[in-house]
N, C-alpha and C. Protein backbone atom coordinates (compact mmCIF):
# COMPACT_ATOMS: atom_id res chain seq x y z
N UNK A 1 -39.30 70.19 -12.55
CA UNK A 1 -39.53 68.75 -11.95
C UNK A 1 -39.25 68.97 -10.57
N UNK A 2 -39.99 68.56 -9.52
CA UNK A 2 -39.75 68.65 -8.27
C UNK A 2 -39.75 67.35 -7.59
N UNK A 3 -38.94 67.04 -6.51
CA UNK A 3 -38.67 65.95 -5.79
C UNK A 3 -39.62 65.99 -4.41
N UNK A 4 -40.36 64.63 -4.39
CA UNK A 4 -41.21 64.56 -3.40
C UNK A 4 -40.56 63.85 -2.26
N UNK A 5 -40.17 64.63 -1.05
CA UNK A 5 -39.62 64.00 0.07
C UNK A 5 -40.55 63.19 0.97
N UNK A 6 -41.70 63.60 0.86
CA UNK A 6 -42.80 63.47 1.83
C UNK A 6 -42.93 61.73 1.59
N UNK A 7 -42.76 61.21 0.54
CA UNK A 7 -42.90 59.79 0.34
C UNK A 7 -42.11 58.82 1.14
N UNK A 8 -42.31 58.10 1.71
CA UNK A 8 -41.26 57.08 2.14
C UNK A 8 -41.65 55.70 1.94
N UNK A 9 -40.34 54.96 1.68
CA UNK A 9 -40.63 53.70 1.46
C UNK A 9 -41.23 52.65 2.35
N UNK A 10 -41.95 51.80 1.68
CA UNK A 10 -42.62 50.99 2.69
C UNK A 10 -41.67 50.15 3.41
N UNK A 11 -40.28 49.60 3.12
CA UNK A 11 -39.28 48.98 3.70
C UNK A 11 -38.37 49.80 4.06
N UNK A 12 -37.71 49.80 5.28
CA UNK A 12 -36.42 50.30 5.51
C UNK A 12 -35.19 49.67 4.87
N UNK A 13 -34.13 50.72 4.87
CA UNK A 13 -33.06 49.87 4.18
C UNK A 13 -32.36 48.90 4.82
N UNK A 14 -32.41 48.39 6.24
CA UNK A 14 -32.14 47.15 6.76
C UNK A 14 -32.89 45.87 6.30
N UNK A 15 -34.25 46.25 6.33
CA UNK A 15 -35.29 45.30 5.89
C UNK A 15 -34.73 44.54 4.56
N UNK A 16 -34.74 45.63 3.49
CA UNK A 16 -34.35 45.28 2.34
C UNK A 16 -33.28 44.59 1.94
N UNK A 17 -32.00 44.95 2.70
CA UNK A 17 -30.71 44.32 2.89
C UNK A 17 -30.95 42.92 3.29
N UNK A 18 -31.96 42.54 4.03
CA UNK A 18 -31.97 41.35 4.65
C UNK A 18 -32.78 40.40 3.75
N UNK A 19 -33.51 41.03 2.78
CA UNK A 19 -34.41 40.16 1.94
C UNK A 19 -33.54 39.99 0.69
N UNK A 20 -32.73 41.02 0.47
CA UNK A 20 -31.77 40.64 -0.89
C UNK A 20 -30.86 39.24 -0.39
N UNK A 21 -30.70 38.13 -1.32
CA UNK A 21 -29.85 37.25 -1.34
C UNK A 21 -28.30 37.45 -1.35
N UNK A 22 -27.58 37.25 -0.18
CA UNK A 22 -26.47 37.59 -0.34
C UNK A 22 -25.63 36.75 -0.85
N UNK A 23 -24.65 36.96 -1.79
CA UNK A 23 -23.76 35.79 -2.37
C UNK A 23 -22.61 35.65 -1.32
N UNK A 24 -22.40 34.50 -0.93
CA UNK A 24 -21.41 34.20 0.11
C UNK A 24 -20.09 33.71 -0.54
N UNK A 25 -19.02 34.28 -0.26
CA UNK A 25 -17.72 34.24 -1.02
C UNK A 25 -17.36 32.67 -0.73
N UNK A 26 -17.20 31.97 -1.85
CA UNK A 26 -16.83 30.59 -1.76
C UNK A 26 -15.54 30.64 -1.62
N UNK A 27 -15.01 29.69 -0.48
CA UNK A 27 -13.70 29.51 -0.53
C UNK A 27 -12.70 28.98 -1.59
N UNK A 28 -11.75 29.49 -1.69
CA UNK A 28 -10.53 28.97 -2.80
C UNK A 28 -9.81 27.89 -2.77
N UNK A 29 -10.20 26.69 -3.47
CA UNK A 29 -9.46 25.54 -3.41
C UNK A 29 -8.01 25.52 -3.90
N UNK A 30 -7.25 25.20 -2.67
CA UNK A 30 -5.96 25.00 -3.31
C UNK A 30 -5.51 23.67 -4.33
N UNK A 31 -4.62 24.00 -5.01
CA UNK A 31 -4.11 22.92 -5.84
C UNK A 31 -3.60 21.74 -5.14
N UNK A 32 -4.12 20.77 -5.12
CA UNK A 32 -3.36 19.53 -4.69
C UNK A 32 -2.03 19.55 -5.15
N UNK A 33 -1.07 19.07 -4.49
CA UNK A 33 0.19 18.75 -4.71
C UNK A 33 0.20 17.46 -5.36
N UNK A 34 0.73 17.24 -6.59
CA UNK A 34 0.53 15.83 -7.21
C UNK A 34 1.83 15.04 -6.36
N UNK A 35 1.29 13.55 -6.15
CA UNK A 35 2.31 12.53 -5.76
C UNK A 35 3.39 12.76 -6.48
N UNK A 36 4.48 12.03 -6.32
CA UNK A 36 5.53 11.76 -7.12
C UNK A 36 5.10 10.22 -7.87
N UNK A 37 5.37 10.09 -9.00
CA UNK A 37 5.14 9.13 -9.85
C UNK A 37 6.23 8.35 -10.83
N UNK A 38 6.00 7.03 -11.03
CA UNK A 38 6.99 6.55 -12.00
C UNK A 38 6.67 6.65 -13.49
N UNK A 39 7.86 7.00 -14.12
CA UNK A 39 7.86 7.30 -15.25
C UNK A 39 8.50 5.85 -16.10
N UNK A 40 8.02 5.17 -16.80
CA UNK A 40 8.62 3.83 -17.29
C UNK A 40 9.34 4.29 -18.80
N UNK A 41 10.24 3.19 -18.66
CA UNK A 41 11.44 3.29 -20.00
C UNK A 41 11.65 1.85 -20.33
N UNK A 42 12.41 1.75 -21.25
CA UNK A 42 12.84 0.36 -21.83
C UNK A 42 13.28 -0.46 -21.03
N UNK A 43 14.64 0.10 -20.34
CA UNK A 43 15.49 -0.71 -19.39
C UNK A 43 15.59 0.10 -18.09
N UNK A 44 14.78 0.90 -17.80
CA UNK A 44 15.09 1.83 -16.62
C UNK A 44 13.70 2.48 -16.37
N UNK A 45 13.59 2.99 -15.14
CA UNK A 45 12.53 3.38 -14.45
C UNK A 45 12.66 4.70 -13.76
N UNK A 46 12.11 5.97 -13.77
CA UNK A 46 12.35 6.93 -12.94
C UNK A 46 11.39 7.42 -12.09
N UNK A 47 11.56 7.74 -10.91
CA UNK A 47 10.83 8.25 -10.17
C UNK A 47 10.67 9.72 -9.97
N UNK A 48 9.66 10.48 -10.25
CA UNK A 48 9.75 11.94 -10.57
C UNK A 48 8.64 12.92 -9.87
N UNK A 49 8.85 13.94 -9.32
CA UNK A 49 7.96 14.75 -8.62
C UNK A 49 7.42 15.31 -9.58
N UNK A 50 6.12 16.46 -8.96
CA UNK A 50 5.43 17.07 -9.88
C UNK A 50 6.06 18.09 -10.81
N UNK A 51 7.57 18.35 -10.20
CA UNK A 51 7.86 19.63 -11.43
C UNK A 51 8.98 18.70 -12.57
N UNK A 52 8.97 17.33 -12.27
CA UNK A 52 9.69 16.44 -13.27
C UNK A 52 11.10 16.31 -12.79
N UNK A 53 11.44 16.95 -11.79
CA UNK A 53 12.73 16.47 -11.13
C UNK A 53 12.97 14.95 -10.74
N UNK A 54 13.97 14.37 -11.22
CA UNK A 54 14.36 12.94 -10.71
C UNK A 54 14.21 12.70 -9.30
N UNK A 55 14.17 11.98 -8.57
CA UNK A 55 13.99 11.37 -7.39
C UNK A 55 14.72 10.35 -7.25
N UNK A 56 14.64 9.33 -8.01
CA UNK A 56 15.10 8.08 -7.94
C UNK A 56 15.06 7.37 -9.12
N UNK A 57 15.59 5.94 -9.35
CA UNK A 57 15.78 5.60 -10.50
C UNK A 57 15.94 3.92 -10.16
N UNK A 58 15.59 3.22 -11.40
CA UNK A 58 15.43 1.40 -11.02
C UNK A 58 16.13 1.29 -12.49
N UNK A 59 17.38 0.62 -12.32
CA UNK A 59 17.83 -0.06 -13.85
C UNK A 59 17.91 -1.42 -13.94
N UNK A 60 17.74 -2.10 -15.10
CA UNK A 60 17.88 -3.32 -14.96
C UNK A 60 19.28 -3.69 -15.44
N UNK A 61 19.54 -5.01 -15.07
CA UNK A 61 21.21 -5.27 -15.22
C UNK A 61 21.48 -5.08 -17.03
N UNK A 62 22.82 -5.21 -17.06
CA UNK A 62 23.07 -5.32 -18.29
C UNK A 62 22.66 -6.61 -19.00
N UNK A 63 22.39 -6.79 -20.42
CA UNK A 63 22.28 -7.90 -21.02
C UNK A 63 23.16 -9.12 -20.90
N UNK A 64 22.62 -10.22 -20.87
CA UNK A 64 23.68 -11.31 -20.57
C UNK A 64 24.01 -11.39 -19.45
N UNK A 65 23.82 -10.54 -18.38
CA UNK A 65 24.21 -10.86 -16.90
C UNK A 65 23.26 -11.94 -16.37
N UNK A 66 23.80 -12.89 -15.63
CA UNK A 66 23.14 -13.67 -14.86
C UNK A 66 23.22 -13.67 -13.25
N UNK A 67 22.27 -13.33 -12.66
CA UNK A 67 21.18 -13.34 -12.53
C UNK A 67 20.63 -11.99 -12.92
N UNK A 68 19.48 -12.06 -13.34
CA UNK A 68 19.00 -10.79 -13.46
C UNK A 68 18.42 -9.72 -12.46
N UNK A 69 19.35 -8.65 -12.13
CA UNK A 69 19.00 -7.77 -11.14
C UNK A 69 18.44 -6.64 -11.38
N UNK A 70 17.92 -5.82 -10.55
CA UNK A 70 17.31 -4.46 -10.77
C UNK A 70 18.16 -3.72 -9.83
N UNK A 71 19.07 -2.64 -10.41
CA UNK A 71 20.03 -1.98 -9.48
C UNK A 71 18.85 -0.57 -9.21
N UNK A 72 18.76 -0.08 -7.92
CA UNK A 72 18.06 1.31 -7.50
C UNK A 72 18.94 2.15 -6.87
N UNK A 73 18.49 3.35 -7.26
CA UNK A 73 19.22 4.48 -6.58
C UNK A 73 18.46 5.62 -6.31
N UNK A 74 18.50 6.36 -5.03
CA UNK A 74 17.97 7.27 -4.68
C UNK A 74 18.68 8.08 -3.65
N UNK A 75 19.02 9.38 -3.95
CA UNK A 75 19.67 10.28 -3.22
C UNK A 75 21.14 9.38 -3.22
N UNK A 76 21.39 9.52 -1.92
CA UNK A 76 22.87 8.93 -1.34
C UNK A 76 22.86 7.24 -1.08
N UNK A 77 21.46 6.89 -1.75
CA UNK A 77 21.47 5.35 -1.25
C UNK A 77 21.17 4.68 -2.49
N UNK A 78 21.84 3.43 -2.46
CA UNK A 78 21.77 2.56 -4.03
C UNK A 78 21.88 0.90 -3.47
N UNK A 79 21.19 0.09 -4.09
CA UNK A 79 21.29 -1.27 -3.87
C UNK A 79 20.65 -1.95 -5.08
N UNK A 80 20.52 -3.39 -4.65
CA UNK A 80 20.32 -4.44 -6.12
C UNK A 80 18.96 -5.01 -5.41
N UNK A 81 18.24 -5.33 -6.25
CA UNK A 81 16.77 -6.14 -5.86
C UNK A 81 16.50 -7.28 -6.80
N UNK A 82 16.11 -8.42 -6.45
CA UNK A 82 15.83 -9.24 -7.39
C UNK A 82 14.39 -9.48 -8.26
N UNK A 83 13.33 -8.24 -7.85
CA UNK A 83 12.30 -8.05 -8.85
C UNK A 83 12.17 -6.31 -8.85
N UNK A 84 11.58 -6.00 -9.94
CA UNK A 84 11.05 -4.60 -9.91
C UNK A 84 10.18 -4.17 -9.04
N UNK A 85 9.38 -4.81 -8.61
CA UNK A 85 8.42 -4.44 -7.41
C UNK A 85 9.31 -4.03 -6.13
N UNK A 86 10.13 -4.92 -5.74
CA UNK A 86 11.01 -4.72 -4.46
C UNK A 86 11.94 -3.65 -4.63
N UNK A 87 12.45 -3.31 -5.74
CA UNK A 87 13.37 -2.16 -6.02
C UNK A 87 12.63 -0.66 -6.22
N UNK A 88 11.38 -0.99 -6.74
CA UNK A 88 10.57 0.32 -6.70
C UNK A 88 10.25 0.51 -5.25
N UNK A 89 9.89 -0.39 -4.48
CA UNK A 89 9.57 -0.08 -3.04
C UNK A 89 10.83 0.53 -2.30
N UNK A 90 11.98 -0.02 -2.53
CA UNK A 90 13.13 0.42 -1.80
C UNK A 90 13.39 2.29 -2.31
N UNK A 91 13.08 2.24 -3.27
CA UNK A 91 13.30 3.88 -3.93
C UNK A 91 12.09 4.59 -3.43
N UNK A 92 10.79 4.27 -3.03
CA UNK A 92 9.81 4.88 -2.37
C UNK A 92 9.94 5.07 -1.08
N UNK A 93 10.61 4.10 -0.32
CA UNK A 93 10.81 4.02 1.08
C UNK A 93 11.98 4.94 1.24
N UNK A 94 13.13 5.10 0.35
CA UNK A 94 14.33 6.07 0.72
C UNK A 94 13.80 7.32 0.71
N UNK A 95 12.94 7.60 -0.43
CA UNK A 95 12.48 9.17 -0.76
C UNK A 95 11.81 9.57 0.26
N UNK A 96 11.09 8.55 1.00
CA UNK A 96 10.01 8.79 2.10
C UNK A 96 10.74 9.14 3.30
N UNK A 97 11.57 8.59 3.74
CA UNK A 97 12.65 8.75 4.71
C UNK A 97 13.40 9.93 4.49
N UNK A 98 13.85 10.21 3.44
CA UNK A 98 14.75 11.51 3.20
C UNK A 98 13.85 12.75 3.32
N UNK A 99 12.57 12.62 3.04
CA UNK A 99 11.43 13.88 3.24
C UNK A 99 10.98 13.77 4.53
N UNK A 100 11.03 12.81 5.40
CA UNK A 100 10.69 13.04 6.80
C UNK A 100 12.02 13.10 7.83
N UNK A 101 13.06 13.13 7.20
CA UNK A 101 14.31 13.23 8.31
C UNK A 101 14.36 14.78 8.58
N UNK A 102 14.41 14.76 10.10
CA UNK A 102 14.64 16.44 10.40
C UNK A 102 16.18 16.67 9.93
N UNK A 103 16.19 17.76 9.80
CA UNK A 103 17.72 18.91 9.51
C UNK A 103 18.33 18.61 11.00
N UNK A 104 19.87 18.16 10.93
CA UNK A 104 20.44 17.97 11.81
C UNK A 104 21.30 19.19 12.59
N UNK A 105 21.39 20.10 11.85
CA UNK A 105 22.01 21.44 11.83
C UNK A 105 21.04 22.90 11.74
């Protein structure tokens, strides 16, 4: 068997490469960081991050205590509010403030 080198292809290598569809690499998407979420409980609610670490909490006052008060705690801050919505808002504000605060030293 003999090879015939006198035959030339009808297209050159560069033209063939231009005609072939090139698969462009698709950019990898980064996993979006989950936002902190509220975990409901019977007499308390917890504010947790994506790893499950507790960032803050809201507890209902003891049974029989009047008036009914929601005690909240987040980081080094704590307080009491008259409604669950306000207590949750305080926890979220405190956590947000702590995450934005710059280190002093």
